[in-house]
Amino acid sequence: MRLRVLIIFGGTKKGDFSVGWGMYSPQLPLASGRVPSSSPSSSFSFDAQHADPGGLEAALLQIMHDHHHTSLRLRDQAERAKKDAIQNAARVSDLLVDAVNSGVQESFINEKRIEREIRALAVTIARFMKQTNQWLTTTHAINTAVKEIGDFENWMKTMEFDCKSITTAIQNIHQA
């Protein structure tokens, strides 16, 4: 907020001036007074110690003082609002991060659980492969034994046939 002070030099007599003030408000009244004739065009300043208690200078000083306190109060309010907004934004950011991270955390936990199950399945598969190889070795040994039994049975049949042939030949020779 700015205080606008308008000093206009000029008038009907030497040293006449007009002063207007306001908070961007053109409806505020204009005050009139006299500038000492020794400096009609020099800079104009207000001094609080030499101001008349009910005069124009005192009123302007009071307005400036009020404006200064108002601007300080507004600056403090704006600073508090800024800090509150930053804290609220940080809180919202934390809540959003927590919301996103909860899904990420759940996915991470599921990923670790799946990895454990994969390792357990790999161990189980290795154990089953070993068992399968043992079964294959055992069935191959049984198959070989069965073949040998089959070969022995075939040899026995051949031997039985040969024995019958020899027995028949001996009987034929003996009868003849």
Protein backbone atom coordinates (compact mmCIF):
# COMPACT_ATOMS: atom_id res chain seq x y z
CA MET A 1 0.00 0.00 0.00
CA ARG A 2 1.42 3.41 -0.90
CA LEU A 3 0.72 6.84 0.47
CA ARG A 4 0.50 9.44 -2.21
CA VAL A 5 1.41 13.01 -1.28
CA LEU A 6 0.92 15.63 -3.94
CA ILE A 7 2.57 18.99 -3.49
CA ILE A 8 1.64 21.63 -6.03
CA PHE A 9 3.47 24.94 -6.05
CA GLY A 10 1.76 27.89 -7.49
CA GLY A 11 -1.08 30.07 -6.57
CA THR A 12 -2.04 33.69 -6.39
CA LYS A 13 0.60 34.71 -3.84
CA LYS A 14 4.27 33.87 -3.64
CA GLY A 15 4.71 30.75 -1.46
CA ASP A 16 1.15 29.39 -1.76
CA PHE A 17 0.98 25.61 -2.10
CA SER A 18 -1.56 22.83 -2.11
CA VAL A 19 -1.06 19.37 -0.64
CA GLY A 20 -3.19 16.31 -1.39
CA TRP A 21 -2.84 12.90 0.16
CA GLY A 22 -4.56 9.57 -0.02
CA MET A 23 -4.40 5.86 -0.59
CA TYR A 24 -5.00 6.00 -4.33
CA SER A 25 -8.25 7.77 -3.60
CA PRO A 26 -9.01 10.92 -5.57
CA GLN A 27 -11.91 11.84 -3.24
CA LEU A 28 -9.70 12.85 -0.28
CA PRO A 29 -9.59 16.60 0.45
CA LEU A 30 -6.76 18.91 -0.44
CA ALA A 31 -5.05 20.95 2.28
CA SER A 32 -3.63 24.41 1.79
CA GLY A 33 -0.85 26.18 3.62
CA ARG A 34 2.09 28.54 3.13
CA VAL A 35 5.70 27.77 2.36
CA PRO A 36 8.22 30.17 3.80
CA SER A 37 8.97 32.82 1.18
CA SER A 38 12.72 32.27 1.36
CA SER A 39 12.45 28.98 -0.56
CA PRO A 40 9.43 28.93 -2.85
CA SER A 41 10.89 26.43 -5.30
CA SER A 42 13.26 24.45 -3.05
CA SER A 43 12.55 21.00 -1.62
CA PHE A 44 9.86 20.71 0.97
CA SER A 45 10.26 18.50 4.08
CA PHE A 46 8.31 17.87 7.25
CA ASP A 47 9.92 17.87 10.70
CA ALA A 48 8.03 16.23 13.54
CA GLN A 49 9.64 18.38 16.26
CA HIS A 50 8.63 21.71 14.70
CA ALA A 51 5.16 20.62 13.58
CA ASP A 52 2.10 22.31 15.03
CA PRO A 53 0.08 19.75 17.01
CA GLY A 54 -3.10 20.58 15.11
CA GLY A 55 -1.48 21.74 11.88
CA LEU A 56 -1.04 20.35 8.43
CA GLU A 57 2.44 19.04 9.08
CA ALA A 58 1.26 17.10 12.12
CA ALA A 59 -1.62 15.64 10.12
CA LEU A 60 0.74 14.57 7.34
CA LEU A 61 3.16 13.11 9.86
CA GLN A 62 0.28 11.23 11.50
CA ILE A 63 -0.83 9.90 8.11
CA MET A 64 2.72 8.81 7.29
CA HIS A 65 3.06 7.22 10.73
CA ASP A 66 -0.28 5.38 10.33
CA HIS A 67 0.69 4.28 6.82
CA HIS A 68 4.03 2.99 8.08
CA HIS A 69 2.38 0.95 10.85
CA THR A 70 -0.30 -0.31 8.48
CA SER A 71 2.29 -1.37 5.93
CA LEU A 72 4.34 -3.12 8.64
CA ARG A 73 1.23 -4.93 9.87
CA LEU A 74 0.30 -5.91 6.32
CA ARG A 75 3.87 -7.05 5.64
CA ASP A 76 3.78 -9.20 8.80
CA GLN A 77 0.40 -10.64 7.78
CA ALA A 78 1.71 -11.36 4.28
CA GLU A 79 4.82 -13.00 5.74
CA ARG A 80 2.70 -15.17 8.07
CA ALA A 81 0.40 -16.06 5.18
CA LYS A 82 3.44 -16.92 3.05
CA LYS A 83 4.87 -19.14 5.82
CA ASP A 84 1.47 -20.81 6.29
CA ALA A 85 1.17 -21.36 2.54
CA ILE A 86 4.66 -22.87 2.41
CA GLN A 87 3.88 -25.15 5.37
CA ASN A 88 0.57 -26.19 3.81
CA ALA A 89 2.26 -26.82 0.45
CA ALA A 90 4.92 -28.91 2.18
CA ARG A 91 2.19 -30.86 4.01
CA VAL A 92 0.28 -31.46 0.77
CA SER A 93 3.52 -32.49 -0.91
CA ASP A 94 4.28 -34.93 1.92
CA LEU A 95 0.77 -36.38 1.74
CA LEU A 96 1.06 -36.81 -2.03
CA VAL A 97 4.47 -38.43 -1.69
CA ASP A 98 3.10 -40.73 1.03
CA ALA A 99 0.14 -41.65 -1.19
CA VAL A 100 2.43 -42.45 -4.11
CA ASN A 101 4.99 -44.18 -1.92
CA SER A 102 2.38 -46.42 -0.34
CA GLY A 103 1.65 -47.90 -3.77
CA VAL A 104 5.36 -48.09 -4.54
CA GLN A 105 6.04 -49.68 -1.17
CA GLU A 106 3.31 -52.25 -1.74
CA SER A 107 4.74 -53.01 -5.19
CA PHE A 108 8.22 -53.33 -3.68
CA ILE A 109 6.96 -55.74 -1.01
CA ASN A 110 5.13 -57.79 -3.66
CA GLU A 111 8.27 -57.83 -5.82
CA LYS A 112 10.37 -59.15 -2.91
CA ARG A 113 7.74 -61.79 -2.11
CA ILE A 114 7.66 -62.91 -5.76
CA GLU A 115 11.47 -63.07 -5.85
CA ARG A 116 11.45 -65.30 -2.72
CA GLU A 117 8.85 -67.57 -4.32
CA ILE A 118 10.89 -67.73 -7.54
CA ARG A 119 13.98 -68.79 -5.58
CA ALA A 120 11.93 -71.42 -3.69
CA LEU A 121 10.50 -72.70 -6.99
CA ALA A 122 14.00 -72.85 -8.51
CA VAL A 123 15.16 -75.00 -5.56
CA THR A 124 12.07 -77.23 -5.90
CA ILE A 125 12.60 -77.57 -9.66
CA ALA A 126 16.27 -78.53 -9.12
CA ARG A 127 15.21 -81.15 -6.56
CA PHE A 128 12.56 -82.56 -8.95
CA MET A 129 15.10 -82.64 -11.80
CA LYS A 130 17.47 -84.64 -9.59
CA GLN A 131 14.63 -87.03 -8.64
CA THR A 132 13.61 -87.34 -12.29
CA ASN A 133 17.18 -88.21 -13.29
CA GLN A 134 17.29 -90.81 -10.52
CA TRP A 135 14.00 -92.31 -11.75
CA LEU A 136 15.31 -92.33 -15.32
CA THR A 137 18.48 -94.10 -14.18
CA THR A 138 16.44 -96.61 -12.18
CA THR A 139 14.00 -97.29 -15.05
CA HIS A 140 16.93 -97.66 -17.45
CA ALA A 141 18.51 -100.21 -15.09
CA ILE A 142 15.18 -102.07 -14.79
CA ASN A 143 14.76 -101.99 -18.57
CA THR A 144 18.25 -103.41 -19.00
CA ALA A 145 17.49 -106.13 -16.44
CA VAL A 146 14.22 -106.94 -18.20
CA LYS A 147 16.10 -107.17 -21.49
CA GLU A 148 18.59 -109.46 -19.88
CA ILE A 149 15.74 -111.56 -18.48
CA GLY A 150 14.19 -111.57 -21.92
CA ASP A 151 17.49 -112.58 -23.41
CA PHE A 152 17.88 -115.25 -20.71
CA GLU A 153 14.34 -116.45 -21.35
CA ASN A 154 15.06 -116.58 -25.07
CA TRP A 155 18.33 -118.41 -24.35
CA MET A 156 16.39 -120.79 -22.09
CA LYS A 157 13.86 -121.47 -24.85
CA THR A 158 16.68 -122.01 -27.29
CA MET A 159 18.38 -124.34 -24.82
CA GLU A 160 15.08 -126.14 -24.18
CA PHE A 161 14.51 -126.56 -27.93
CA ASP A 162 18.10 -127.75 -28.38
CA CYS A 163 17.68 -130.20 -25.46
CA LYS A 164 14.44 -131.54 -26.98
CA SER A 165 16.13 -131.85 -30.35
CA ILE A 166 19.04 -133.74 -28.80
CA THR A 167 16.67 -135.91 -26.75
CA THR A 168 14.62 -136.71 -29.86
CA ALA A 169 17.80 -137.51 -31.81
CA ILE A 170 19.05 -139.77 -29.02
CA GLN A 171 15.68 -141.53 -28.83
CA ASN A 172 15.67 -141.99 -32.59
CA ILE A 173 19.16 -143.38 -32.45
CA HIS A 174 18.31 -145.60 -29.55
CA GLN A 175 15.26 -146.99 -31.34
CA ALA A 176 16.95 -147.52 -34.49
